[in-house]
């Protein structure tokens, strides 16, 4: 984890909003079909619908968050579920507190 990557990931209001929404996926997203929301997090389609962005745009934001160690992804059946990486967020907080 690099503090430049963390700072870059947190420099976007969209990515900050995604992190906020992922605090409580079941409370912040509405499932449209069975399987697109679970305890493993939320799939891109659910996040994109909530944000009003295309799936490729949201996928790119999630990739940046994942590269910074703030989000983790788990493959379940045909879906990739995204959730906050709490250990990564703690490491990012520690990195940024040293600035």
Protein backbone atom coordinates (compact mmCIF):
# COMPACT_ATOMS: atom_id res chain seq x y z
CA UNK A 1 0.00 0.00 0.00
CA UNK A 2 1.37 3.35 -1.06
CA UNK A 3 0.15 6.65 0.38
CA UNK A 4 0.08 8.24 -3.09
CA UNK A 5 -2.30 5.49 -4.25
CA UNK A 6 -4.41 5.97 -1.13
CA UNK A 7 -4.51 9.75 -1.57
CA UNK A 8 -5.40 9.34 -5.25
CA UNK A 9 -8.19 6.88 -4.41
CA UNK A 10 -9.62 9.22 -1.78
CA UNK A 11 -9.38 12.31 -4.01
CA UNK A 12 -12.61 11.45 -5.82
CA UNK A 13 -16.02 12.28 -4.39
CA UNK A 14 -17.43 9.30 -6.33
CA UNK A 15 -14.97 6.90 -4.70
CA UNK A 16 -15.65 8.40 -1.27
CA UNK A 17 -19.36 7.90 -1.90
CA UNK A 18 -18.77 4.27 -2.90
CA UNK A 19 -16.87 3.69 0.36
CA UNK A 20 -19.72 5.28 2.32
CA UNK A 21 -22.32 3.13 0.56
CA UNK A 22 -20.29 -0.02 1.17
CA UNK A 23 -20.40 0.59 4.92
CA UNK A 24 -23.87 -0.97 4.86
CA UNK A 25 -24.59 -2.61 1.49
CA UNK A 26 -27.90 -4.17 2.49
CA UNK A 27 -29.11 -0.87 3.96
CA UNK A 28 -27.85 1.36 1.13
CA UNK A 29 -28.70 -0.70 -1.95
CA UNK A 30 -31.88 -2.29 -3.23
CA UNK A 31 -31.57 -5.74 -4.74
CA UNK A 32 -33.10 -6.00 -8.22
CA UNK A 33 -32.72 -9.76 -8.63
CA UNK A 34 -31.71 -12.66 -6.44
CA UNK A 35 -27.98 -12.78 -5.88
CA UNK A 36 -26.90 -9.24 -6.75
CA UNK A 37 -26.54 -8.23 -3.09
CA UNK A 38 -25.20 -10.35 -0.27
CA UNK A 39 -23.19 -10.33 2.92
CA UNK A 40 -20.16 -10.44 0.61
CA UNK A 41 -20.96 -6.87 -0.50
CA UNK A 42 -22.57 -5.43 -3.59
CA UNK A 43 -22.09 -6.13 -7.28
CA UNK A 44 -21.18 -3.42 -9.77
CA UNK A 45 -24.67 -3.24 -11.27
CA UNK A 46 -26.22 -2.37 -7.90
CA UNK A 47 -23.54 0.24 -7.15
CA UNK A 48 -23.82 1.74 -10.65
CA UNK A 49 -27.60 1.99 -10.42
CA UNK A 50 -27.38 3.77 -7.05
CA UNK A 51 -24.76 6.24 -8.31
CA UNK A 52 -26.37 6.78 -11.72
CA UNK A 53 -23.17 5.86 -13.58
CA UNK A 54 -22.39 3.16 -16.12
CA UNK A 55 -20.99 -0.16 -14.94
CA UNK A 56 -17.62 0.41 -16.68
CA UNK A 57 -17.24 3.76 -14.90
CA UNK A 58 -18.01 2.22 -11.52
CA UNK A 59 -15.72 -0.73 -12.27
CA UNK A 60 -12.86 1.70 -12.88
CA UNK A 61 -13.53 3.50 -9.58
CA UNK A 62 -13.63 0.15 -7.77
CA UNK A 63 -10.35 -0.86 -9.42
CA UNK A 64 -8.66 2.27 -8.07
CA UNK A 65 -10.08 1.63 -4.59
CA UNK A 66 -8.95 -2.01 -4.78
CA UNK A 67 -5.45 -1.04 -5.97
CA UNK A 68 -5.17 1.29 -2.98
CA UNK A 69 -6.20 -1.54 -0.65
CA UNK A 70 -9.49 0.05 0.42
CA UNK A 71 -11.92 -2.40 -1.23
CA UNK A 72 -11.78 -6.14 -1.69
CA UNK A 73 -13.59 -8.22 -4.28
CA UNK A 74 -14.97 -11.73 -3.95
CA UNK A 75 -16.25 -13.84 -6.84
CA UNK A 76 -19.52 -15.62 -5.99
CA UNK A 77 -21.18 -17.57 -8.82
CA UNK A 78 -21.32 -15.16 -11.79
CA UNK A 79 -20.96 -11.99 -9.71
CA UNK A 80 -18.05 -10.09 -8.26
CA UNK A 81 -19.00 -8.63 -4.90
CA UNK A 82 -17.22 -5.58 -3.56
CA UNK A 83 -16.88 -4.64 0.09
CA UNK A 84 -14.76 -2.38 2.23
CA UNK A 85 -11.40 -3.80 3.28
CA UNK A 86 -11.40 -2.75 6.93
CA UNK A 87 -7.78 -3.76 7.52
CA UNK A 88 -6.75 -1.82 4.41
CA UNK A 89 -8.67 1.24 5.55
CA UNK A 90 -6.87 1.08 8.93
CA UNK A 91 -3.48 0.83 7.14
CA UNK A 92 -4.45 3.76 4.91
CA UNK A 93 -5.43 5.82 7.95
CA UNK A 94 -2.05 5.06 9.54
CA UNK A 95 -0.18 5.96 6.33
CA UNK A 96 -1.99 9.27 5.98
CA UNK A 97 -1.58 10.17 9.65
CA UNK A 98 2.20 10.22 9.10
CA UNK A 99 1.95 13.11 6.61
